[in-house]
Amino acid sequence: MNLLNKLFAIIIIACFPLHLISQKNLLLNGNLEKHNSNGKFINWLVCSGTPDFYMSNNNSCFALFMNDEFVSEAMQGTLIYPMKVGKYYKIEADVKADAKWCKTMISEISIGFTKDSFKKIKKNVAIKLKGISYASLFSEDSSVIHSQKYEHVSGIYQAQGGEKYIIVGNIFPANINIYMNNVKSHSMYFFDNIKISQLDKPSIKRHKNQKNLNLFFTKKSHTLNPENRQLLKTWLSNIGLSSIKRIEIYGYASSEGKEAFNLTLSLKRAAEIQKYLCNYIGEDLISFKAMGEISNKKVNKKDRKVLIKAFLN
């Protein structure tokens, strides 16, 4: 082998493992095909509620009950190795609902990451599951989950560093807006083929017909003041109500204070915006989610906000 061929071989060997790492599923048993004699999925832990498990040779999945009351079910999976600080990861999953004619927003699925493992708890998961950083999910094909088929959802997550576990499920039950024939109801989400892969370079897509608005709040407040009301009215007027396909609302809080308080505060902020928007838009077109505090070393008043995303026809 001449010198040029040797050099080419060295380059191939050096680059090949990096490519494999970026494509490899970092989640142990992400396809849910490995289970033990007790009917439990290997490398998965029930951390809230009583999820249902369905096992077959090629189509195993777990199902989590969801409604708009304080009912919480969540599963915890384990990563092959901890996430690296500042690195971007892609999250993918196949999800569907079980109730016929049921629909609910993809944005209401909660998938997050944590450094510590959780033991099973019976209720109040939104308060007791601390230290979770969440990823936002989207689908190229649809904004809602239906029962007829699995919807492939994905998202991008930037690691804080050291995250070893994924939490999947109904983390914020007060967010869930599930409708059957335009009447609020309940459902179960079926999860399968969950994958996490490290990205060499992030590719964060924005919906081509998407308009965003940030509204800011004062410390410890979730009240929609007159200034924010006017900003919302102007924003809606500029968009045009007839062109709105759906709206997603994300509540945040700054990092001072207790984490549980900030999580509840971010939920109240998002709910306040949702309540106001229902004066103009159908409730079944609006979803909201509490994102909790934004982790910063220094307190930033701009973290006391609600992000509103309008997706247009």
Protein backbone atom coordinates (compact mmCIF):
# COMPACT_ATOMS: atom_id res chain seq x y z
CA MET A 1 0.00 0.00 0.00
CA ASN A 2 1.52 3.32 -1.04
CA LEU A 3 1.68 6.39 1.19
CA LEU A 4 -1.38 8.05 -0.37
CA ASN A 5 -3.55 4.97 0.16
CA LYS A 6 -2.35 4.63 3.76
CA LEU A 7 -3.22 8.26 4.43
CA PHE A 8 -6.68 7.79 2.89
CA ALA A 9 -7.27 4.67 5.04
CA ILE A 10 -6.29 6.56 8.21
CA ILE A 11 -8.74 9.36 7.39
CA ILE A 12 -11.57 6.87 6.81
CA ILE A 13 -10.86 5.04 10.08
CA ALA A 14 -10.69 8.32 12.02
CA CYS A 15 -13.96 9.69 10.61
CA PHE A 16 -16.02 6.49 10.65
CA PRO A 17 -16.58 6.24 14.42
CA LEU A 18 -17.67 9.90 14.60
CA HIS A 19 -20.32 9.27 11.96
CA LEU A 20 -21.55 6.22 13.86
CA ILE A 21 -21.78 8.20 17.10
CA SER A 22 -23.89 10.92 15.47
CA GLN A 23 -26.35 8.33 14.10
CA LYS A 24 -26.41 5.82 16.96
CA ASN A 25 -29.38 5.66 19.32
CA LEU A 26 -28.02 6.80 22.68
CA LEU A 27 -31.14 5.54 24.48
CA LEU A 28 -30.94 1.99 25.82
CA ASN A 29 -33.82 -0.16 24.52
CA GLY A 30 -35.34 2.80 22.71
CA ASN A 31 -37.31 0.50 20.39
CA LEU A 32 -38.84 -1.21 23.48
CA GLU A 33 -38.18 -4.70 22.12
CA LYS A 34 -36.30 -5.96 25.20
CA HIS A 35 -38.38 -6.93 28.22
CA ASN A 36 -38.01 -9.22 31.22
CA SER A 37 -40.09 -12.14 32.50
CA ASN A 38 -42.12 -9.77 34.71
CA GLY A 39 -43.49 -7.95 31.69
CA LYS A 40 -41.36 -4.82 32.19
CA PHE A 41 -39.23 -3.06 29.62
CA ILE A 42 -35.51 -3.41 30.31
CA ASN A 43 -33.71 -0.11 31.07
CA TRP A 44 -37.04 1.66 31.67
CA LEU A 45 -38.52 2.72 35.02
CA VAL A 46 -42.04 3.78 35.96
CA CYS A 47 -41.60 7.08 37.76
CA SER A 48 -45.27 8.08 38.03
CA GLY A 49 -48.67 6.44 37.72
CA THR A 50 -49.39 3.01 36.25
CA PRO A 51 -48.44 2.98 32.55
CA ASP A 52 -49.65 0.12 30.37
CA PHE A 53 -47.18 -2.11 28.52
CA TYR A 54 -47.86 -3.81 25.20
CA MET A 55 -45.31 -6.36 24.04
CA SER A 56 -44.96 -8.16 20.73
CA ASN A 57 -42.13 -9.37 18.56
CA ASN A 58 -41.82 -6.22 16.46
CA ASN A 59 -44.27 -3.66 17.82
CA SER A 60 -43.84 -3.20 21.57
CA CYS A 61 -44.90 0.11 23.13
CA PHE A 62 -46.03 1.71 26.38
CA ALA A 63 -49.14 3.83 26.92
CA LEU A 64 -49.59 6.76 29.31
CA PHE A 65 -53.00 7.97 30.46
CA MET A 66 -53.59 11.69 29.97
CA ASN A 67 -56.41 14.09 30.74
CA ASP A 68 -56.86 17.68 31.87
CA GLU A 69 -57.13 16.73 35.54
CA PHE A 70 -54.18 16.17 37.84
CA VAL A 71 -53.44 12.65 36.65
CA SER A 72 -49.81 11.96 35.87
CA GLU A 73 -48.03 9.05 34.25
CA ALA A 74 -44.40 9.09 33.19
CA MET A 75 -41.62 6.69 32.19
CA GLN A 76 -37.87 7.07 32.63
CA GLY A 77 -35.29 5.69 30.20
CA THR A 78 -31.51 5.47 30.48
CA LEU A 79 -28.89 6.84 28.10
CA ILE A 80 -25.76 4.91 27.10
CA TYR A 81 -23.59 7.74 28.41
CA PRO A 82 -24.23 11.23 29.85
CA MET A 83 -24.88 14.11 27.49
CA LYS A 84 -22.06 16.56 26.82
CA VAL A 85 -22.46 20.19 27.82
CA GLY A 86 -23.39 22.47 24.94
CA LYS A 87 -23.88 19.62 22.46
CA TYR A 88 -27.08 19.28 20.44
CA TYR A 89 -29.17 16.11 20.38
CA LYS A 90 -32.07 15.05 18.21
CA ILE A 91 -35.05 13.38 19.89
CA GLU A 92 -37.44 11.24 17.85
CA ALA A 93 -40.47 9.11 18.72
CA ASP A 94 -43.56 7.54 17.20
CA VAL A 95 -46.72 8.58 19.07
CA LYS A 96 -50.46 8.00 18.68
CA ALA A 97 -53.63 8.37 20.74
CA ASP A 98 -55.97 5.49 21.55
CA ALA A 99 -59.38 7.17 21.71
CA LYS A 100 -61.34 7.20 18.47
CA TRP A 101 -61.83 10.68 17.00
CA CYS A 102 -59.46 12.02 19.63
CA LYS A 103 -57.03 14.81 18.83
CA THR A 104 -54.49 16.67 20.91
CA MET A 105 -51.52 18.90 20.18
CA ILE A 106 -48.06 17.41 19.68
CA SER A 107 -46.68 20.30 21.75
CA GLU A 108 -48.38 18.85 24.83
CA ILE A 109 -46.14 15.78 24.88
CA SER A 110 -43.54 16.18 27.62
CA ILE A 111 -40.06 14.81 26.95
CA GLY A 112 -37.20 15.99 29.14
CA PHE A 113 -33.78 15.05 30.47
CA THR A 114 -32.30 14.85 33.94
CA LYS A 115 -29.01 14.00 35.63
CA ASP A 116 -30.61 12.01 38.44
CA SER A 117 -32.89 8.97 38.45
CA PHE A 118 -36.37 9.23 39.95
CA LYS A 119 -38.05 6.69 42.16
CA LYS A 120 -41.71 5.95 41.55
CA ILE A 121 -44.15 8.46 42.99
CA LYS A 122 -47.92 8.27 43.07
CA LYS A 123 -49.06 11.79 42.20
CA ASN A 124 -48.16 15.45 41.79
CA VAL A 125 -45.43 14.65 39.29
CA ALA A 126 -45.29 18.25 38.09
CA ILE A 127 -44.00 19.38 41.48
CA LYS A 128 -41.92 16.39 42.57
CA LEU A 129 -40.01 15.69 39.37
CA LYS A 130 -37.37 18.40 39.68
CA GLY A 131 -34.29 19.15 37.64
CA ILE A 132 -35.79 18.28 34.25
CA SER A 133 -34.85 20.22 31.11
CA TYR A 134 -37.46 19.90 28.37
CA ALA A 135 -37.32 19.56 24.60
CA SER A 136 -39.97 20.95 22.24
CA LEU A 137 -41.31 18.51 19.66
CA PHE A 138 -42.82 19.03 16.23
CA SER A 139 -43.92 17.04 13.19
CA GLU A 140 -43.49 17.79 9.51
CA ASP A 141 -46.87 16.22 8.73
CA SER A 142 -49.30 17.29 11.43
CA SER A 143 -49.79 19.45 14.51
CA VAL A 144 -51.99 16.95 16.33
CA ILE A 145 -51.90 13.34 17.48
CA HIS A 146 -54.63 11.07 16.10
CA SER A 147 -55.62 7.48 16.85
CA GLN A 148 -55.54 6.21 13.28
CA LYS A 149 -51.76 6.07 12.89
CA TYR A 150 -48.47 6.77 14.61
CA GLU A 151 -47.15 10.30 14.15
CA HIS A 152 -43.36 10.68 13.92
CA VAL A 153 -42.32 13.60 16.11
CA SER A 154 -38.86 15.07 16.65
CA GLY A 155 -37.07 17.92 18.37
CA ILE A 156 -33.68 19.44 19.13
CA TYR A 157 -32.21 19.63 22.64
CA GLN A 158 -29.05 21.43 23.78
CA ALA A 159 -27.52 19.62 26.75
CA GLN A 160 -26.61 21.33 30.00
CA GLY A 161 -24.13 18.51 30.58
CA GLY A 162 -24.38 15.28 32.56
CA GLU A 163 -27.97 14.32 31.66
CA LYS A 164 -28.26 10.52 31.90
CA TYR A 165 -32.02 9.91 31.85
CA ILE A 166 -34.99 10.75 29.64
CA ILE A 167 -38.46 11.40 31.12
CA VAL A 168 -41.42 10.72 28.82
CA GLY A 169 -45.05 11.36 29.62
CA ASN A 170 -47.72 13.50 31.20
CA ILE A 171 -45.47 15.82 33.21
CA PHE A 172 -47.83 18.80 33.16
CA PRO A 173 -51.36 17.35 33.22
CA ALA A 174 -52.97 20.78 33.55
CA ASN A 175 -51.70 21.53 30.03
CA ILE A 176 -53.51 18.68 28.32
CA ASN A 177 -56.26 19.79 25.95
CA ILE A 178 -57.80 16.61 24.55
CA TYR A 179 -60.94 16.79 22.44
CA MET A 180 -63.37 14.18 21.15
CA ASN A 181 -66.03 15.70 18.90
CA ASN A 182 -65.13 19.13 20.36
CA VAL A 183 -65.79 17.97 23.94
CA LYS A 184 -62.96 17.78 26.47
CA SER A 185 -62.10 14.19 27.22
CA HIS A 186 -59.18 11.91 28.05
CA SER A 187 -56.91 9.59 26.16
CA MET A 188 -53.72 7.57 26.27
CA TYR A 189 -50.54 8.23 24.34
CA PHE A 190 -48.76 5.22 22.84
CA PHE A 191 -44.98 5.65 22.56
CA ASP A 192 -42.64 3.56 20.39
CA ASN A 193 -39.25 3.81 18.67
CA ILE A 194 -37.79 6.52 20.88
CA LYS A 195 -34.39 7.65 19.64
CA ILE A 196 -31.74 10.12 20.80
CA SER A 197 -28.77 10.92 18.57
CA GLN A 198 -25.99 13.47 18.89
CA LEU A 199 -25.82 16.08 16.14
CA ASP A 200 -22.58 17.38 14.66
CA LYS A 201 -24.35 20.63 13.78
CA PRO A 202 -27.89 21.54 14.86
CA SER A 203 -30.53 22.08 12.22
CA ILE A 204 -33.39 23.85 13.97
CA LYS A 205 -36.32 24.32 11.63
CA ARG A 206 -38.97 26.97 11.91
CA HIS A 207 -42.40 26.56 10.43
CA LYS A 208 -42.58 28.60 7.23
CA ASN A 209 -45.92 30.12 8.28
CA GLN A 210 -45.12 30.82 11.92
CA LYS A 211 -45.40 34.05 13.91
CA ASN A 212 -43.96 34.38 17.42
CA LEU A 213 -44.59 36.82 20.25
CA ASN A 214 -42.82 37.19 23.61
CA LEU A 215 -44.68 38.75 26.53
CA PHE A 216 -42.77 39.69 29.69
CA PHE A 217 -43.97 39.67 33.30
CA THR A 218 -42.83 41.32 36.51
CA LYS A 219 -41.26 39.30 39.32
CA LYS A 220 -43.58 36.62 40.80
CA SER A 221 -46.48 37.88 38.67
CA HIS A 222 -48.67 36.00 36.21
CA THR A 223 -51.24 38.76 35.66
CA LEU A 224 -51.77 39.95 32.11
CA ASN A 225 -51.32 43.72 32.40
CA PRO A 226 -52.93 46.30 30.04
CA GLU A 227 -49.72 46.71 28.04
CA ASN A 228 -49.50 42.99 27.28
CA ARG A 229 -53.21 42.87 26.44
CA GLN A 230 -52.68 45.58 23.85
CA LEU A 231 -49.62 43.79 22.44
CA LEU A 232 -51.70 40.62 22.06
CA LYS A 233 -54.56 42.47 20.36
CA THR A 234 -52.20 44.14 17.91
CA TRP A 235 -50.39 40.87 17.20
CA LEU A 236 -53.66 39.02 16.52
CA SER A 237 -54.91 41.85 14.33
CA ASN A 238 -51.74 41.82 12.24
CA ILE A 239 -51.90 38.04 11.80
CA GLY A 240 -55.63 37.79 11.11
CA LEU A 241 -57.74 35.39 13.17
CA SER A 242 -58.99 33.47 10.12
CA SER A 243 -55.43 32.50 9.15
CA ILE A 244 -54.54 30.88 12.50
CA LYS A 245 -54.26 27.09 12.35
CA ARG A 246 -53.11 26.58 15.93
CA ILE A 247 -51.36 28.38 18.78
CA GLU A 248 -48.76 27.02 21.20
CA ILE A 249 -47.98 28.83 24.47
CA TYR A 250 -44.84 28.26 26.56
CA GLY A 251 -44.53 29.76 30.04
CA TYR A 252 -41.15 30.50 31.66
CA ALA A 253 -39.74 31.89 34.90
CA SER A 254 -36.41 33.37 35.98
CA SER A 255 -34.02 31.32 38.10
CA GLU A 256 -34.36 33.02 41.49
CA GLY A 257 -36.55 31.29 44.06
CA LYS A 258 -37.49 27.63 44.48
CA GLU A 259 -37.77 25.45 41.41
CA ALA A 260 -41.23 24.13 42.33
CA PHE A 261 -42.56 27.68 42.74
CA ASN A 262 -41.09 28.74 39.39
CA LEU A 263 -42.62 25.73 37.65
CA THR A 264 -46.07 26.60 38.99
CA LEU A 265 -45.56 30.28 38.15
CA SER A 266 -44.61 29.48 34.55
CA LEU A 267 -47.76 27.35 34.26
CA LYS A 268 -49.94 30.19 35.59
CA ARG A 269 -48.40 32.61 33.10
CA ALA A 270 -49.08 30.30 30.18
CA ALA A 271 -52.62 29.59 31.41
CA GLU A 272 -53.31 33.33 31.72
CA ILE A 273 -52.44 33.85 28.06
CA GLN A 274 -54.49 30.82 27.02
CA LYS A 275 -57.51 32.13 28.92
CA TYR A 276 -57.26 35.51 27.21
CA LEU A 277 -56.79 34.04 23.71
CA CYS A 278 -59.91 31.90 24.15
CA ASN A 279 -61.89 35.15 23.81
CA TYR A 280 -60.81 35.23 20.16
CA ILE A 281 -59.84 31.66 19.17
CA GLY A 282 -61.38 28.24 19.78
CA GLU A 283 -59.98 26.49 22.86
CA ASP A 284 -59.24 23.33 20.89
CA LEU A 285 -56.74 25.30 18.75
CA ILE A 286 -54.66 26.42 21.74
CA SER A 287 -52.18 24.38 23.76
CA PHE A 288 -49.99 25.60 26.61
CA LYS A 289 -47.07 24.21 28.56
CA ALA A 290 -45.09 25.19 31.66
CA MET A 291 -41.37 25.17 30.93
CA GLY A 292 -40.27 26.21 34.43
CA GLU A 293 -37.25 28.33 35.15
CA ILE A 294 -34.54 29.16 32.63
CA SER A 295 -31.24 28.09 34.19
CA ASN A 296 -28.88 31.05 34.21
CA LYS A 297 -26.08 31.93 36.59
CA LYS A 298 -27.40 35.48 36.73
CA VAL A 299 -31.06 36.37 37.15
CA ASN A 300 -32.44 37.85 33.94
CA LYS A 301 -35.79 39.64 34.04
CA LYS A 302 -36.32 38.71 30.37
CA ASP A 303 -36.67 35.07 31.49
CA ARG A 304 -40.01 36.00 33.12
CA LYS A 305 -41.92 35.51 29.91
CA VAL A 306 -44.41 33.64 27.81
CA LEU A 307 -43.55 32.62 24.26
CA ILE A 308 -46.55 32.40 21.92
CA LYS A 309 -46.27 30.62 18.57
CA ALA A 310 -48.99 31.03 15.96
CA PHE A 311 -49.01 28.56 13.07
CA LEU A 312 -50.86 29.87 10.04
CA ASN A 313 -52.72 28.27 7.16
